Amino acid sequence: LCKRGVVDAATKQMITSIWVGDEPGTVVVDSGSSTAYVSLETESALAVVDLEAHTVTHRIHTTPNPRSLDLLANGEAIFVAGHRTGRPARYPYAEDEGGQIDIQAIDTATGEVLWEVEEAGNIITALVADEARSVLWVLATVTFPERGLVTLDSPPFEAQVQGYDLDTGEWLHTTVLGPANEGEGFVLGPQALAVAGDSLWVAAQDSGVV
């Protein structure tokens, strides 16, 4: 449970495993520096792995419950989102009295936080660094307990795609994933996000749609 396996792409065989820490969740790789970054959800950290030496060189402190990760193409910055930011009381409907950091941009060389976003969502499941548009796309479920019962006009939750400036973290826009056609419900359980040309694709687990 505390390891990541290394698989030979040609033989499809696992050649080694690397101990990284408690509950590794997501891994991204900077092929230019032979470095992997692994989210450790219960440790509020990233394990930084030397892929040639097969060892963890150090850790980078993050927001609680890190899961979604993406890297700049040059490997100089990594973007991290907390899945539930370590506050289970927030899910599904509770409110926090204070702010909580949900998204961070971190300098991979120094571990310095370049910018942060508070209260992006109750559950964050994916993010993509879109360097062509200089946008960080974030997939989140946001709840609105004040709305009360479920209605198509004002549901107590929304699946959202949020856009933030890649350099500053400034909020740019939000798209609510509402009914695609008349009579259809809102998108439930958004899990995955991808950029293809001029389109964003979202996979919604509980709705069974993309």
Protein backbone atom coordinates (compact mmCIF):
# COMPACT_ATOMS: atom_id res chain seq x y z
CA LEU A 1 0.00 0.00 0.00
CA CYS A 2 2.98 2.30 0.45
CA LYS A 3 4.81 1.50 -2.78
CA ARG A 4 4.76 2.41 -6.45
CA GLY A 5 5.69 -0.22 -9.01
CA VAL A 6 8.00 0.34 -11.97
CA VAL A 7 6.93 -1.57 -15.09
CA ASP A 8 9.06 -2.28 -18.16
CA ALA A 9 6.99 -0.96 -21.08
CA ALA A 10 8.45 -3.52 -23.51
CA THR A 11 7.99 -6.68 -21.44
CA LYS A 12 4.96 -5.49 -19.42
CA GLN A 13 6.70 -6.87 -16.32
CA MET A 14 7.17 -5.05 -13.02
CA ILE A 15 10.91 -4.71 -12.48
CA THR A 16 10.96 -3.06 -9.07
CA SER A 17 8.90 -1.24 -6.47
CA ILE A 18 9.78 1.91 -4.55
CA TRP A 19 8.62 2.72 -1.04
CA VAL A 20 7.24 6.26 -1.13
CA GLY A 21 5.07 6.76 1.95
CA ASP A 22 1.53 6.42 3.26
CA GLU A 23 -1.35 5.93 0.80
CA PRO A 24 0.18 6.98 -2.54
CA GLY A 25 -2.59 8.15 -4.82
CA THR A 26 -1.46 9.76 -8.08
CA VAL A 27 1.86 9.90 -9.96
CA VAL A 28 3.15 12.29 -12.64
CA VAL A 29 6.53 11.98 -14.33
CA ASP A 30 9.01 14.57 -15.55
CA SER A 31 10.84 12.56 -18.19
CA GLY A 32 13.38 15.32 -18.73
CA SER A 33 14.78 14.93 -15.22
CA SER A 34 13.80 11.27 -14.64
CA THR A 35 11.74 12.40 -11.66
CA ALA A 36 8.32 11.23 -10.47
CA TYR A 37 6.02 13.07 -8.11
CA VAL A 38 3.66 10.92 -6.04
CA SER A 39 0.78 12.28 -3.97
CA LEU A 40 0.59 11.02 -0.38
CA GLU A 41 -2.98 11.71 0.61
CA THR A 42 -2.74 11.12 4.36
CA GLU A 43 0.62 12.86 4.72
CA SER A 44 -0.23 16.15 2.93
CA ALA A 45 2.88 15.75 0.82
CA LEU A 46 4.41 14.75 -2.48
CA ALA A 47 7.16 12.15 -2.60
CA VAL A 48 9.85 13.14 -5.11
CA VAL A 49 11.33 10.01 -6.69
CA ASP A 50 14.59 9.63 -8.61
CA LEU A 51 13.58 7.13 -11.29
CA GLU A 52 17.15 6.13 -12.13
CA ALA A 53 18.20 5.49 -8.52
CA HIS A 54 14.72 4.16 -7.57
CA THR A 55 14.73 6.18 -4.36
CA VAL A 56 12.76 9.00 -2.76
CA THR A 57 15.00 12.05 -2.63
CA HIS A 58 12.73 14.32 -0.59
CA ARG A 59 9.17 15.39 0.06
CA ILE A 60 7.25 18.55 -0.72
CA HIS A 61 4.59 19.72 1.74
CA THR A 62 1.16 20.35 0.17
CA THR A 63 -2.43 21.16 0.99
CA PRO A 64 -4.20 18.32 2.86
CA ASN A 65 -5.39 15.23 0.97
CA PRO A 66 -3.49 15.87 -2.30
CA ARG A 67 -4.68 13.77 -5.22
CA SER A 68 -4.95 15.56 -8.57
CA LEU A 69 -1.57 16.48 -10.08
CA ASP A 70 -0.15 17.95 -13.27
CA LEU A 71 3.25 19.28 -14.35
CA LEU A 72 4.42 22.02 -16.64
CA ALA A 73 6.10 20.56 -19.72
CA ASN A 74 9.48 21.90 -18.54
CA GLY A 75 8.99 20.35 -15.10
CA GLU A 76 9.52 23.63 -13.27
CA ALA A 77 6.14 23.73 -11.53
CA ILE A 78 3.63 21.18 -10.31
CA PHE A 79 -0.05 21.82 -9.69
CA VAL A 80 -1.73 20.06 -6.77
CA ALA A 81 -5.38 19.85 -5.68
CA GLY A 82 -6.64 18.44 -2.41
CA HIS A 83 -9.39 15.89 -2.96
CA ARG A 84 -11.34 16.97 0.12
CA THR A 85 -8.56 19.07 1.73
CA GLY A 86 -8.55 16.91 4.86
CA ARG A 87 -11.90 18.10 6.20
CA PRO A 88 -14.46 15.32 5.90
CA ALA A 89 -17.01 17.52 7.70
CA ARG A 90 -17.21 19.55 4.51
CA TYR A 91 -18.68 16.60 2.62
CA PRO A 92 -21.34 16.62 1.49
CA TYR A 93 -23.04 19.69 2.89
CA ALA A 94 -21.16 21.17 5.84
CA GLU A 95 -19.67 24.64 5.80
CA ASP A 96 -16.27 25.68 7.18
CA GLU A 97 -15.87 28.76 9.33
CA GLY A 98 -12.49 29.57 7.83
CA GLY A 99 -10.86 29.27 4.43
CA GLN A 100 -9.05 26.17 3.26
CA ILE A 101 -6.40 25.88 0.56
CA ASP A 102 -7.67 23.62 -2.23
CA ILE A 103 -5.20 24.21 -5.11
CA GLN A 104 -1.49 25.03 -5.14
CA ALA A 105 1.17 25.76 -7.73
CA ILE A 106 4.56 24.68 -6.39
CA ASP A 107 8.10 25.30 -7.63
CA THR A 108 9.56 21.81 -8.07
CA ALA A 109 13.14 22.97 -7.45
CA THR A 110 12.54 24.80 -4.17
CA GLY A 111 9.18 23.52 -2.92
CA GLU A 112 8.02 27.14 -2.72
CA VAL A 113 4.30 27.74 -3.16
CA LEU A 114 3.89 30.05 -6.15
CA TRP A 115 0.16 30.66 -5.68
CA GLU A 116 -2.85 29.15 -3.92
CA VAL A 117 -6.61 28.98 -4.37
CA GLU A 118 -9.01 28.74 -1.44
CA GLU A 119 -12.40 27.03 -1.43
CA ALA A 120 -12.46 25.86 -5.04
CA GLY A 121 -14.83 23.00 -4.29
CA ASN A 122 -16.00 20.37 -1.81
CA ILE A 123 -14.55 17.56 -3.93
CA ILE A 124 -11.84 18.06 -6.55
CA THR A 125 -11.21 15.11 -8.84
CA ALA A 126 -8.99 16.32 -11.69
CA LEU A 127 -6.89 19.17 -13.02
CA VAL A 128 -5.08 19.85 -16.28
CA ALA A 129 -2.37 22.43 -16.98
CA ASP A 130 -3.28 23.81 -20.41
CA GLU A 131 -0.12 25.68 -21.39
CA ALA A 132 -1.42 26.57 -24.85
CA ARG A 133 -4.12 28.72 -23.24
CA SER A 134 -2.24 29.47 -20.00
CA VAL A 135 -5.16 28.02 -18.03
CA LEU A 136 -5.33 25.51 -15.19
CA TRP A 137 -8.57 23.58 -15.67
CA VAL A 138 -10.07 22.14 -12.46
CA LEU A 139 -12.91 19.63 -12.16
CA ALA A 140 -14.88 19.99 -8.93
CA THR A 141 -18.14 19.31 -7.17
CA VAL A 142 -19.38 22.33 -5.24
CA THR A 143 -22.25 22.13 -2.75
CA PHE A 144 -24.80 24.77 -1.81
CA PRO A 145 -26.58 23.61 1.38
CA GLU A 146 -28.57 26.82 1.54
CA ARG A 147 -30.49 25.77 -1.59
CA GLY A 148 -32.25 22.92 0.21
CA LEU A 149 -34.04 20.20 -1.77
CA VAL A 150 -32.96 19.05 -5.23
CA THR A 151 -34.60 20.89 -8.12
CA LEU A 152 -33.48 21.30 -11.72
CA ASP A 153 -33.59 25.06 -11.29
CA SER A 154 -31.46 25.21 -8.15
CA PRO A 155 -29.74 21.93 -7.16
CA PRO A 156 -27.80 21.80 -3.86
CA PHE A 157 -24.64 20.79 -5.73
CA GLU A 158 -22.94 21.50 -9.03
CA ALA A 159 -20.32 19.76 -11.12
CA GLN A 160 -18.05 22.54 -12.37
CA VAL A 161 -15.10 23.05 -14.68
CA GLN A 162 -13.15 26.02 -13.34
CA GLY A 163 -10.41 27.94 -15.12
CA TYR A 164 -7.51 29.67 -13.35
CA ASP A 165 -4.64 31.68 -14.75
CA LEU A 166 -1.69 29.29 -14.95
CA ASP A 167 0.82 31.96 -13.88
CA THR A 168 -1.07 33.72 -11.08
CA GLY A 169 -3.91 31.46 -9.94
CA GLU A 170 -6.45 34.18 -10.66
CA TRP A 171 -9.95 32.81 -11.26
CA LEU A 172 -10.98 33.24 -14.89
CA HIS A 173 -14.32 31.48 -15.35
CA THR A 174 -16.56 28.61 -14.25
CA THR A 175 -18.74 26.33 -16.37
CA VAL A 176 -21.54 24.46 -14.62
CA LEU A 177 -22.10 21.01 -16.16
CA GLY A 178 -25.86 21.21 -16.40
CA PRO A 179 -28.32 19.15 -18.42
CA ALA A 180 -27.11 18.63 -21.98
CA ASN A 181 -30.64 18.16 -23.30
CA GLU A 182 -34.17 18.88 -22.13
CA GLY A 183 -35.33 16.37 -19.54
CA GLU A 184 -31.81 15.26 -18.56
CA GLY A 185 -30.40 15.77 -15.09
CA PHE A 186 -27.28 17.53 -13.91
CA VAL A 187 -23.92 15.81 -14.23
CA LEU A 188 -23.11 13.67 -11.19
CA GLY A 189 -19.75 12.33 -9.99
CA PRO A 190 -17.32 14.09 -12.35
CA GLN A 191 -14.06 12.13 -12.21
CA ALA A 192 -11.75 12.80 -15.17
CA LEU A 193 -10.84 15.77 -17.35
CA ALA A 194 -8.94 16.02 -20.63
CA VAL A 195 -8.14 18.73 -23.18
CA ALA A 196 -8.37 17.89 -26.88
CA GLY A 197 -7.99 20.74 -29.34
CA ASP A 198 -10.67 23.32 -28.58
CA SER A 199 -12.70 20.95 -26.39
CA LEU A 200 -12.69 19.87 -22.76
CA TRP A 201 -13.87 16.32 -22.10
CA VAL A 202 -15.31 15.27 -18.74
CA ALA A 203 -16.13 11.74 -17.56
CA ALA A 204 -18.97 11.60 -15.02
CA GLN A 205 -18.96 8.34 -13.11
CA ASP A 206 -22.39 8.57 -11.50
CA SER A 207 -24.11 9.86 -14.64
CA GLY A 208 -22.49 7.28 -16.93
CA VAL A 209 -21.63 9.91 -19.54
CA VAL A 210 -18.71 11.83 -21.04
